[in-house]
Amino acid sequence: MKDNKSISASEVNRYIFCNYQWYYECKYGAAELRRRRAEYLDEMGIAPNGKSPIQRGLAFHVRFESQRKHRLIWKWLRAIMFAAVFIYLLLYFGIAVL
């Protein structure tokens, strides 16, 4: 562990996010943890995909935003079609709206 007694705000943030991750990073260091992870993946025969969590998160938000736009477009199209059918039925049965 570190010998100094001061704790930075980023360390507090990391501790709140995951206290185990904070502890192991303080005890072993980030480089050692990366080496152990690579060793573990080699033992398990898993190839890392090379994408960072930030890249995966950005890709998720891009997909989510496009899906949200599609849902919004379909919602408006359904509303317009419903209004058109309603107006057509009013005209067909001769019901005066005014």
PDB file of N, CA and C in Angstrom:
ATOM      1  N   MET A   1       0.828  -1.189   0.000  1.00  0.00           N
ATOM      2  CA  MET A   1       0.000   0.000   0.000  1.00  0.00           C
ATOM      3  C   MET A   1       0.866   1.243   0.000  1.00  0.00           C
ATOM      4  N   LYS A   2       0.242   2.355  -0.290  1.00  0.00           N
ATOM      5  CA  LYS A   2       0.986   3.603  -0.318  1.00  0.00           C
ATOM      6  C   LYS A   2       1.383   3.990   1.106  1.00  0.00           C
ATOM      7  N   ASP A   3       2.531   4.653   1.181  1.00  0.00           N
ATOM      8  CA  ASP A   3       3.022   5.050   2.498  1.00  0.00           C
ATOM      9  C   ASP A   3       2.488   6.400   2.941  1.00  0.00           C
ATOM     10  N   ASN A   4       2.121   7.260   1.981  1.00  0.00           N
ATOM     11  CA  ASN A   4       1.649   8.585   2.387  1.00  0.00           C
ATOM     12  C   ASN A   4       0.235   8.485   2.977  1.00  0.00           C
ATOM     13  N   LYS A   5      -0.100   9.469   3.765  1.00  0.00           N
ATOM     14  CA  LYS A   5      -1.373   9.454   4.496  1.00  0.00           C
ATOM     15  C   LYS A   5      -2.483  10.227   3.794  1.00  0.00           C
ATOM     16  N   SER A   6      -2.170  10.926   2.709  1.00  0.00           N
ATOM     17  CA  SER A   6      -3.203  11.715   2.032  1.00  0.00           C
ATOM     18  C   SER A   6      -3.972  10.855   1.038  1.00  0.00           C
ATOM     19  N   ILE A   7      -5.244  11.160   0.905  1.00  0.00           N
ATOM     20  CA  ILE A   7      -6.126  10.458  -0.028  1.00  0.00           C
ATOM     21  C   ILE A   7      -6.729  11.508  -0.956  1.00  0.00           C
ATOM     22  N   SER A   8      -6.604  11.269  -2.249  1.00  0.00           N
ATOM     23  CA  SER A   8      -7.120  12.238  -3.220  1.00  0.00           C
ATOM     24  C   SER A   8      -8.618  12.016  -3.445  1.00  0.00           C
ATOM     25  N   ALA A   9      -9.226  12.978  -4.082  1.00  0.00           N
ATOM     26  CA  ALA A   9     -10.661  12.884  -4.371  1.00  0.00           C
ATOM     27  C   ALA A   9     -10.949  11.741  -5.341  1.00  0.00           C
ATOM     28  N   SER A  10     -10.037  11.506  -6.298  1.00  0.00           N
ATOM     29  CA  SER A  10     -10.261  10.404  -7.239  1.00  0.00           C
ATOM     30  C   SER A  10     -10.181   9.049  -6.526  1.00  0.00           C
ATOM     31  N   GLU A  11      -9.325   8.954  -5.498  1.00  0.00           N
ATOM     32  CA  GLU A  11      -9.273   7.711  -4.727  1.00  0.00           C
ATOM     33  C   GLU A  11     -10.554   7.492  -3.940  1.00  0.00           C
ATOM     34  N   VAL A  12     -11.106   8.560  -3.392  1.00  0.00           N
ATOM     35  CA  VAL A  12     -12.378   8.443  -2.677  1.00  0.00           C
ATOM     36  C   VAL A  12     -13.468   7.997  -3.642  1.00  0.00           C
ATOM     37  N   ASN A  13     -13.472   8.562  -4.848  1.00  0.00           N
ATOM     38  CA  ASN A  13     -14.447   8.189  -5.856  1.00  0.00           C
ATOM     39  C   ASN A  13     -14.300   6.712  -6.227  1.00  0.00           C
ATOM     40  N   ARG A  14     -13.055   6.239  -6.428  1.00  0.00           N
ATOM     41  CA  ARG A  14     -12.824   4.835  -6.743  1.00  0.00           C
ATOM     42  C   ARG A  14     -13.248   3.934  -5.597  1.00  0.00           C
ATOM     43  N   TYR A  15     -13.004   4.374  -4.355  1.00  0.00           N
ATOM     44  CA  TYR A  15     -13.396   3.582  -3.191  1.00  0.00           C
ATOM     45  C   TYR A  15     -14.913   3.454  -3.106  1.00  0.00           C
ATOM     46  N   ILE A  16     -15.610   4.549  -3.367  1.00  0.00           N
ATOM     47  CA  ILE A  16     -17.074   4.513  -3.314  1.00  0.00           C
ATOM     48  C   ILE A  16     -17.614   3.627  -4.431  1.00  0.00           C
ATOM     49  N   PHE A  17     -17.004   3.689  -5.619  1.00  0.00           N
ATOM     50  CA  PHE A  17     -17.448   2.861  -6.745  1.00  0.00           C
ATOM     51  C   PHE A  17     -17.248   1.390  -6.441  1.00  0.00           C
ATOM     52  N   CYS A  18     -16.048   1.003  -6.009  1.00  0.00           N
ATOM     53  CA  CYS A  18     -15.770  -0.397  -5.674  1.00  0.00           C
ATOM     54  C   CYS A  18     -14.600  -0.425  -4.701  1.00  0.00           C
ATOM     55  N   ASN A  19     -14.886  -0.688  -3.439  1.00  0.00           N
ATOM     56  CA  ASN A  19     -13.837  -0.650  -2.436  1.00  0.00           C
ATOM     57  C   ASN A  19     -12.798  -1.756  -2.641  1.00  0.00           C
ATOM     58  N   TYR A  20     -13.197  -2.894  -3.193  1.00  0.00           N
ATOM     59  CA  TYR A  20     -12.231  -3.964  -3.459  1.00  0.00           C
ATOM     60  C   TYR A  20     -11.251  -3.544  -4.553  1.00  0.00           C
ATOM     61  N   GLN A  21     -11.767  -2.945  -5.610  1.00  0.00           N
ATOM     62  CA  GLN A  21     -10.905  -2.486  -6.691  1.00  0.00           C
ATOM     63  C   GLN A  21      -9.904  -1.455  -6.167  1.00  0.00           C
ATOM     64  N   TRP A  22     -10.375  -0.539  -5.338  1.00  0.00           N
ATOM     65  CA  TRP A  22      -9.497   0.468  -4.762  1.00  0.00           C
ATOM     66  C   TRP A  22      -8.399  -0.184  -3.941  1.00  0.00           C
ATOM     67  N   TYR A  23      -8.766  -1.149  -3.093  1.00  0.00           N
ATOM     68  CA  TYR A  23      -7.796  -1.809  -2.225  1.00  0.00           C
ATOM     69  C   TYR A  23      -6.730  -2.528  -3.041  1.00  0.00           C
ATOM     70  N   TYR A  24      -7.147  -3.339  -4.021  1.00  0.00           N
ATOM     71  CA  TYR A  24      -6.177  -4.105  -4.797  1.00  0.00           C
ATOM     72  C   TYR A  24      -5.306  -3.202  -5.663  1.00  0.00           C
ATOM     73  N   GLU A  25      -5.873  -2.113  -6.132  1.00  0.00           N
ATOM     74  CA  GLU A  25      -5.058  -1.181  -6.918  1.00  0.00           C
ATOM     75  C   GLU A  25      -4.035  -0.485  -6.038  1.00  0.00           C
ATOM     76  N   CYS A  26      -4.407  -0.170  -4.806  1.00  0.00           N
ATOM     77  CA  CYS A  26      -3.444   0.432  -3.882  1.00  0.00           C
ATOM     78  C   CYS A  26      -2.384  -0.587  -3.467  1.00  0.00           C
ATOM     79  N   LYS A  27      -2.778  -1.822  -3.245  1.00  0.00           N
ATOM     80  CA  LYS A  27      -1.847  -2.840  -2.766  1.00  0.00           C
ATOM     81  C   LYS A  27      -0.881  -3.305  -3.851  1.00  0.00           C
ATOM     82  N   TYR A  28      -1.397  -3.630  -5.042  1.00  0.00           N
ATOM     83  CA  TYR A  28      -0.567  -4.219  -6.088  1.00  0.00           C
ATOM     84  C   TYR A  28      -0.164  -3.233  -7.182  1.00  0.00           C
ATOM     85  N   GLY A  29      -0.962  -2.222  -7.422  1.00  0.00           N
ATOM     86  CA  GLY A  29      -0.693  -1.280  -8.505  1.00  0.00           C
ATOM     87  C   GLY A  29      -1.437  -1.691  -9.762  1.00  0.00           C
ATOM     88  N   ALA A  30      -1.740  -0.704 -10.607  1.00  0.00           N
ATOM     89  CA  ALA A  30      -2.525  -0.953 -11.813  1.00  0.00           C
ATOM     90  C   ALA A  30      -1.773  -1.829 -12.812  1.00  0.00           C
ATOM     91  N   ALA A  31      -0.457  -1.646 -12.927  1.00  0.00           N
ATOM     92  CA  ALA A  31       0.311  -2.434 -13.899  1.00  0.00           C
ATOM     93  C   ALA A  31       0.299  -3.922 -13.539  1.00  0.00           C
ATOM     94  N   GLU A  32       0.455  -4.217 -12.266  1.00  0.00           N
ATOM     95  CA  GLU A  32       0.441  -5.620 -11.820  1.00  0.00           C
ATOM     96  C   GLU A  32      -0.935  -6.251 -12.033  1.00  0.00           C
ATOM     97  N   LEU A  33      -1.982  -5.490 -11.767  1.00  0.00           N
ATOM     98  CA  LEU A  33      -3.335  -6.019 -11.975  1.00  0.00           C
ATOM     99  C   LEU A  33      -3.593  -6.286 -13.455  1.00  0.00           C
ATOM    100  N   ARG A  34      -3.128  -5.401 -14.348  1.00  0.00           N
ATOM    101  CA  ARG A  34      -3.276  -5.637 -15.786  1.00  0.00           C
ATOM    102  C   ARG A  34      -2.506  -6.876 -16.218  1.00  0.00           C
ATOM    103  N   ARG A  35      -1.298  -7.057 -15.673  1.00  0.00           N
ATOM    104  CA  ARG A  35      -0.499  -8.235 -16.007  1.00  0.00           C
ATOM    105  C   ARG A  35      -1.205  -9.498 -15.552  1.00  0.00           C
ATOM    106  N   ARG A  36      -1.750  -9.486 -14.326  1.00  0.00           N
ATOM    107  CA  ARG A  36      -2.466 -10.662 -13.817  1.00  0.00           C
ATOM    108  C   ARG A  36      -3.720 -10.955 -14.638  1.00  0.00           C
ATOM    109  N   ARG A  37      -4.404  -9.907 -15.074  1.00  0.00           N
ATOM    110  CA  ARG A  37      -5.606 -10.114 -15.879  1.00  0.00           C
ATOM    111  C   ARG A  37      -5.244 -10.742 -17.227  1.00  0.00           C
ATOM    112  N   ALA A  38      -4.199 -10.239 -17.860  1.00  0.00           N
ATOM    113  CA  ALA A  38      -3.752 -10.802 -19.139  1.00  0.00           C
ATOM    114  C   ALA A  38      -3.332 -12.260 -18.960  1.00  0.00           C
ATOM    115  N   GLU A  39      -2.656 -12.558 -17.860  1.00  0.00           N
ATOM    116  CA  GLU A  39      -2.249 -13.933 -17.567  1.00  0.00           C
ATOM    117  C   GLU A  39      -3.470 -14.834 -17.374  1.00  0.00           C
ATOM    118  N   TYR A  40      -4.469 -14.331 -16.657  1.00  0.00           N
ATOM    119  CA  TYR A  40      -5.697 -15.091 -16.426  1.00  0.00           C
ATOM    120  C   TYR A  40      -6.428 -15.359 -17.744  1.00  0.00           C
ATOM    121  N   LEU A  41      -6.515 -14.341 -18.595  1.00  0.00           N
ATOM    122  CA  LEU A  41      -7.191 -14.516 -19.877  1.00  0.00           C
ATOM    123  C   LEU A  41      -6.451 -15.527 -20.751  1.00  0.00           C
ATOM    124  N   ASP A  42      -5.118 -15.519 -20.700  1.00  0.00           N
ATOM    125  CA  ASP A  42      -4.344 -16.501 -21.453  1.00  0.00           C
ATOM    126  C   ASP A  42      -4.597 -17.914 -20.942  1.00  0.00           C
ATOM    127  N   GLU A  43      -4.658 -18.075 -19.628  1.00  0.00           N
ATOM    128  CA  GLU A  43      -4.924 -19.397 -19.045  1.00  0.00           C
ATOM    129  C   GLU A  43      -6.299 -19.910 -19.436  1.00  0.00           C
ATOM    130  N   MET A  44      -7.271 -19.006 -19.482  1.00  0.00           N
ATOM    131  CA  MET A  44      -8.644 -19.406 -19.799  1.00  0.00           C
ATOM    132  C   MET A  44      -8.864 -19.531 -21.304  1.00  0.00           C
ATOM    133  N   GLY A  45      -7.925 -19.059 -22.095  1.00  0.00           N
ATOM    134  CA  GLY A  45      -8.068 -19.120 -23.551  1.00  0.00           C
ATOM    135  C   GLY A  45      -9.035 -18.090 -24.104  1.00  0.00           C
ATOM    136  N   ILE A  46      -9.158 -16.974 -23.404  1.00  0.00           N
ATOM    137  CA  ILE A  46     -10.069 -15.907 -23.822  1.00  0.00           C
ATOM    138  C   ILE A  46      -9.242 -14.807 -24.475  1.00  0.00           C
ATOM    139  N   ALA A  47      -9.633 -14.404 -25.668  1.00  0.00           N
ATOM    140  CA  ALA A  47      -8.950 -13.317 -26.353  1.00  0.00           C
ATOM    141  C   ALA A  47      -9.656 -12.009 -26.018  1.00  0.00           C
ATOM    142  N   PRO A  48      -8.935 -11.017 -25.522  1.00  0.00           N
ATOM    143  CA  PRO A  48      -9.588  -9.730 -25.234  1.00  0.00           C
ATOM    144  C   PRO A  48     -10.033  -9.069 -26.531  1.00  0.00           C
ATOM    145  N   ASN A  49     -11.167  -8.387 -26.475  1.00  0.00           N
ATOM    146  CA  ASN A  49     -11.716  -7.776 -27.694  1.00  0.00           C
ATOM    147  C   ASN A  49     -11.103  -6.419 -28.009  1.00  0.00           C
ATOM    148  N   GLY A  50     -10.321  -5.862 -27.116  1.00  0.00           N
ATOM    149  CA  GLY A  50      -9.627  -4.619 -27.399  1.00  0.00           C
ATOM    150  C   GLY A  50     -10.464  -3.369 -27.210  1.00  0.00           C
ATOM    151  N   LYS A  51     -11.714  -3.509 -26.883  1.00  0.00           N
ATOM    152  CA  LYS A  51     -12.548  -2.329 -26.678  1.00  0.00           C
ATOM    153  C   LYS A  51     -12.570  -1.979 -25.195  1.00  0.00           C
ATOM    154  N   SER A  52     -12.360  -0.732 -24.909  1.00  0.00           N
ATOM    155  CA  SER A  52     -12.410  -0.277 -23.527  1.00  0.00           C
ATOM    156  C   SER A  52     -13.869  -0.124 -23.102  1.00  0.00           C
ATOM    157  N   PRO A  53     -14.113  -0.083 -21.796  1.00  0.00           N
ATOM    158  CA  PRO A  53     -15.488   0.137 -21.334  1.00  0.00           C
ATOM    159  C   PRO A  53     -16.079   1.449 -21.843  1.00  0.00           C
ATOM    160  N   ILE A  54     -15.245   2.460 -22.027  1.00  0.00           N
ATOM    161  CA  ILE A  54     -15.749   3.741 -22.531  1.00  0.00           C
ATOM    162  C   ILE A  54     -16.217   3.590 -23.977  1.00  0.00           C
ATOM    163  N   GLN A  55     -15.450   2.878 -24.806  1.00  0.00           N
ATOM    164  CA  GLN A  55     -15.855   2.657 -26.193  1.00  0.00           C
ATOM    165  C   GLN A  55     -17.156   1.856 -26.257  1.00  0.00           C
ATOM    166  N   ARG A  56     -17.266   0.837 -25.423  1.00  0.00           N
ATOM    167  CA  ARG A  56     -18.506   0.044 -25.409  1.00  0.00           C
ATOM    168  C   ARG A  56     -19.679   0.894 -24.937  1.00  0.00           C
ATOM    169  N   GLY A  57     -19.441   1.754 -23.949  1.00  0.00           N
ATOM    170  CA  GLY A  57     -20.502   2.624 -23.450  1.00  0.00           C
ATOM    171  C   GLY A  57     -20.956   3.631 -24.496  1.00  0.00           C
ATOM    172  N   LEU A  58     -20.004   4.217 -25.217  1.00  0.00           N
ATOM    173  CA  LEU A  58     -20.359   5.166 -26.279  1.00  0.00           C
ATOM    174  C   LEU A  58     -21.143   4.481 -27.386  1.00  0.00           C
ATOM    175  N   ALA A  59     -20.733   3.256 -27.755  1.00  0.00           N
ATOM    176  CA  ALA A  59     -21.461   2.513 -28.791  1.00  0.00           C
ATOM    177  C   ALA A  59     -22.873   2.199 -28.315  1.00  0.00           C
ATOM    178  N   PHE A  60     -23.018   1.850 -27.041  1.00  0.00           N
ATOM    179  CA  PHE A  60     -24.350   1.569 -26.489  1.00  0.00           C
ATOM    180  C   PHE A  60     -25.238   2.800 -26.583  1.00  0.00           C
ATOM    181  N   HIS A  61     -24.697   3.960 -26.218  1.00  0.00           N
ATOM    182  CA  HIS A  61     -25.518   5.172 -26.234  1.00  0.00           C
ATOM    183  C   HIS A  61     -25.892   5.593 -27.645  1.00  0.00           C
ATOM    184  N   VAL A  62     -25.024   5.357 -28.619  1.00  0.00           N
ATOM    185  CA  VAL A  62     -25.359   5.650 -30.011  1.00  0.00           C
ATOM    186  C   VAL A  62     -26.507   4.759 -30.467  1.00  0.00           C
ATOM    187  N   ARG A  63     -26.416   3.449 -30.151  1.00  0.00           N
ATOM    188  CA  ARG A  63     -27.513   2.533 -30.510  1.00  0.00           C
ATOM    189  C   ARG A  63     -28.800   2.910 -29.799  1.00  0.00           C
ATOM    190  N   PHE A  64     -28.711   3.238 -28.511  1.00  0.00           N
ATOM    191  CA  PHE A  64     -29.894   3.587 -27.740  1.00  0.00           C
ATOM    192  C   PHE A  64     -30.565   4.832 -28.304  1.00  0.00           C
ATOM    193  N   GLU A  65     -29.767   5.831 -28.690  1.00  0.00           N
ATOM    194  CA  GLU A  65     -30.330   7.071 -29.235  1.00  0.00           C
ATOM    195  C   GLU A  65     -31.032   6.817 -30.569  1.00  0.00           C
ATOM    196  N   SER A  66     -30.445   5.977 -31.419  1.00  0.00           N
ATOM    197  CA  SER A  66     -31.102   5.695 -32.697  1.00  0.00           C
ATOM    198  C   SER A  66     -32.398   4.909 -32.478  1.00  0.00           C
ATOM    199  N   GLN A  67     -32.386   3.974 -31.531  1.00  0.00           N
ATOM    200  CA  GLN A  67     -33.612   3.239 -31.226  1.00  0.00           C
ATOM    201  C   GLN A  67     -34.681   4.172 -30.673  1.00  0.00           C
ATOM    202  N   ARG A  68     -34.271   5.134 -29.834  1.00  0.00           N
ATOM    203  CA  ARG A  68     -35.226   6.091 -29.272  1.00  0.00           C
ATOM    204  C   ARG A  68     -35.844   6.943 -30.370  1.00  0.00           C
ATOM    205  N   LYS A  69     -35.023   7.356 -31.345  1.00  0.00           N
ATOM    206  CA  LYS A  69     -35.543   8.146 -32.456  1.00  0.00           C
ATOM    207  C   LYS A  69     -36.529   7.332 -33.286  1.00  0.00           C
ATOM    208  N   HIS A  70     -36.214   6.066 -33.537  1.00  0.00           N
ATOM    209  CA  HIS A  70     -37.132   5.213 -34.301  1.00  0.00           C
ATOM    210  C   HIS A  70     -38.460   5.032 -33.566  1.00  0.00           C
ATOM    211  N   ARG A  71     -38.394   4.811 -32.258  1.00  0.00           N
ATOM    212  CA  ARG A  71     -39.630   4.668 -31.479  1.00  0.00           C
ATOM    213  C   ARG A  71     -40.456   5.935 -31.527  1.00  0.00           C
ATOM    214  N   LEU A  72     -39.797   7.099 -31.456  1.00  0.00           N
ATOM    215  CA  LEU A  72     -40.508   8.371 -31.504  1.00  0.00           C
ATOM    216  C   LEU A  72     -41.163   8.586 -32.862  1.00  0.00           C
ATOM    217  N   ILE A  73     -40.470   8.245 -33.939  1.00  0.00           N
ATOM    218  CA  ILE A  73     -41.035   8.377 -35.288  1.00  0.00           C
ATOM    219  C   ILE A  73     -42.252   7.477 -35.438  1.00  0.00           C
ATOM    220  N   TRP A  74     -42.133   6.215 -34.999  1.00  0.00           N
ATOM    221  CA  TRP A  74     -43.279   5.303 -35.104  1.00  0.00           C
ATOM    222  C   TRP A  74     -44.451   5.775 -34.255  1.00  0.00           C
ATOM    223  N   LYS A  75     -44.170   6.364 -33.109  1.00  0.00           N
ATOM    224  CA  LYS A  75     -45.237   6.888 -32.254  1.00  0.00           C
ATOM    225  C   LYS A  75     -45.999   7.997 -32.972  1.00  0.00           C
ATOM    226  N   TRP A  76     -45.279   8.921 -33.614  1.00  0.00           N
ATOM    227  CA  TRP A  76     -45.938  10.004 -34.340  1.00  0.00           C
ATOM    228  C   TRP A  76     -46.691   9.486 -35.559  1.00  0.00           C
ATOM    229  N   LEU A  77     -46.115   8.522 -36.266  1.00  0.00           N
ATOM    230  CA  LEU A  77     -46.810   7.957 -37.425  1.00  0.00           C
ATOM    231  C   LEU A  77     -48.116   7.274 -37.013  1.00  0.00           C
ATOM    232  N   ARG A  78     -48.084   6.543 -35.900  1.00  0.00           N
ATOM    233  CA  ARG A  78     -49.317   5.909 -35.413  1.00  0.00           C
ATOM    234  C   ARG A  78     -50.358   6.949 -35.038  1.00  0.00           C
ATOM    235  N   ALA A  79     -49.946   8.032 -34.399  1.00  0.00           N
ATOM    236  CA  ALA A  79     -50.886   9.083 -34.006  1.00  0.00           C
ATOM    237  C   ALA A  79     -51.497   9.751 -35.233  1.00  0.00           C
ATOM    238  N   ILE A  80     -50.679  10.022 -36.238  1.00  0.00           N
ATOM    239  CA  ILE A  80     -51.183  10.651 -37.464  1.00  0.00           C
ATOM    240  C   ILE A  80     -52.138   9.706 -38.191  1.00  0.00           C
ATOM    241  N   MET A  81     -51.777   8.420 -38.264  1.00  0.00           N
ATOM    242  CA  MET A  81     -52.666   7.462 -38.933  1.00  0.00           C
ATOM    243  C   MET A  81     -53.983   7.307 -38.185  1.00  0.00           C
ATOM    244  N   PHE A  82     -53.940   7.294 -36.850  1.00  0.00           N
ATOM    245  CA  PHE A  82     -55.162   7.191 -36.062  1.00  0.00           C
ATOM    246  C   PHE A  82     -56.059   8.404 -36.309  1.00  0.00           C
ATOM    247  N   ALA A  83     -55.451   9.602 -36.333  1.00  0.00           N
ATOM    248  CA  ALA A  83     -56.237  10.816 -36.585  1.00  0.00           C
ATOM    249  C   ALA A  83     -56.835  10.786 -37.986  1.00  0.00           C
ATOM    250  N   ALA A  84     -56.081  10.307 -38.984  1.00  0.00           N
ATOM    251  CA  ALA A  84     -56.589  10.239 -40.354  1.00  0.00           C
ATOM    252  C   ALA A  84     -57.755   9.266 -40.455  1.00  0.00           C
ATOM    253  N   VAL A  85     -57.633   8.111 -39.814  1.00  0.00           N
ATOM    254  CA  VAL A  85     -58.738   7.137 -39.834  1.00  0.00           C
ATOM    255  C   VAL A  85     -59.954   7.710 -39.124  1.00  0.00           C
ATOM    256  N   PHE A  86     -59.749   8.414 -38.011  1.00  0.00           N
ATOM    257  CA  PHE A  86     -60.861   8.997 -37.272  1.00  0.00           C
ATOM    258  C   PHE A  86     -61.582  10.048 -38.116  1.00  0.00           C
ATOM    259  N   ILE A  87     -60.819  10.908 -38.781  1.00  0.00           N
ATOM    260  CA  ILE A  87     -61.427  11.930 -39.641  1.00  0.00           C
ATOM    261  C   ILE A  87     -62.144  11.273 -40.821  1.00  0.00           C
ATOM    262  N   TYR A  88     -61.559  10.236 -41.411  1.00  0.00           N
ATOM    263  CA  TYR A  88     -62.199   9.524 -42.519  1.00  0.00           C
ATOM    264  C   TYR A  88     -63.535   8.933 -42.070  1.00  0.00           C
ATOM    265  N   LEU A  89     -63.569   8.312 -40.891  1.00  0.00           N
ATOM    266  CA  LEU A  89     -64.817   7.723 -40.397  1.00  0.00           C
ATOM    267  C   LEU A  89     -65.864   8.800 -40.123  1.00  0.00           C
ATOM    268  N   LEU A  90     -65.438   9.944 -39.597  1.00  0.00           N
ATOM    269  CA  LEU A  90     -66.386  11.036 -39.385  1.00  0.00           C
ATOM    270  C   LEU A  90     -66.985  11.504 -40.709  1.00  0.00           C
ATOM    271  N   LEU A  91     -66.155  11.658 -41.728  1.00  0.00           N
ATOM    272  CA  LEU A  91     -66.640  12.077 -43.037  1.00  0.00           C
ATOM    273  C   LEU A  91     -67.503  11.000 -43.682  1.00  0.00           C
ATOM    274  N   TYR A  92     -67.142   9.742 -43.513  1.00  0.00           N
ATOM    275  CA  TYR A  92     -67.856   8.629 -44.127  1.00  0.00           C
ATOM    276  C   TYR A  92     -69.281   8.528 -43.568  1.00  0.00           C
ATOM    277  N   PHE A  93     -69.415   8.701 -42.260  1.00  0.00           N
ATOM    278  CA  PHE A  93     -70.747   8.601 -41.651  1.00  0.00           C
ATOM    279  C   PHE A  93     -71.461   9.933 -41.643  1.00  0.00           C
ATOM    280  N   GLY A  94     -70.868  11.000 -42.174  1.00  0.00           N
ATOM    281  CA  GLY A  94     -71.547  12.267 -42.339  1.00  0.00           C
ATOM    282  C   GLY A  94     -71.728  13.039 -41.038  1.00  0.00           C
ATOM    283  N   ILE A  95     -70.847  12.825 -40.121  1.00  0.00           N
ATOM    284  CA  ILE A  95     -70.959  13.532 -38.836  1.00  0.00           C
ATOM    285  C   ILE A  95     -70.259  14.880 -38.999  1.00  0.00           C
ATOM    286  N   ALA A  96     -71.001  15.964 -38.686  1.00  0.00           N
ATOM    287  CA  ALA A  96     -70.446  17.303 -38.840  1.00  0.00           C
ATOM    288  C   ALA A  96     -69.590  17.623 -37.608  1.00  0.00           C
ATOM    289  N   VAL A  97     -68.384  18.048 -37.845  1.00  0.00           N
ATOM    290  CA  VAL A  97     -67.458  18.347 -36.754  1.00  0.00           C
ATOM    291  C   VAL A  97     -67.668  19.764 -36.258  1.00  0.00           C
ATOM    292  N   LEU A  98     -68.032  20.669 -37.132  1.00  0.00           N
ATOM    293  CA  LEU A  98     -68.197  22.058 -36.734  1.00  0.00           C
ATOM    294  C   LEU A  98     -69.462  22.191 -36.005  1.00  0.00           C
TER     295      LEU A  98
END
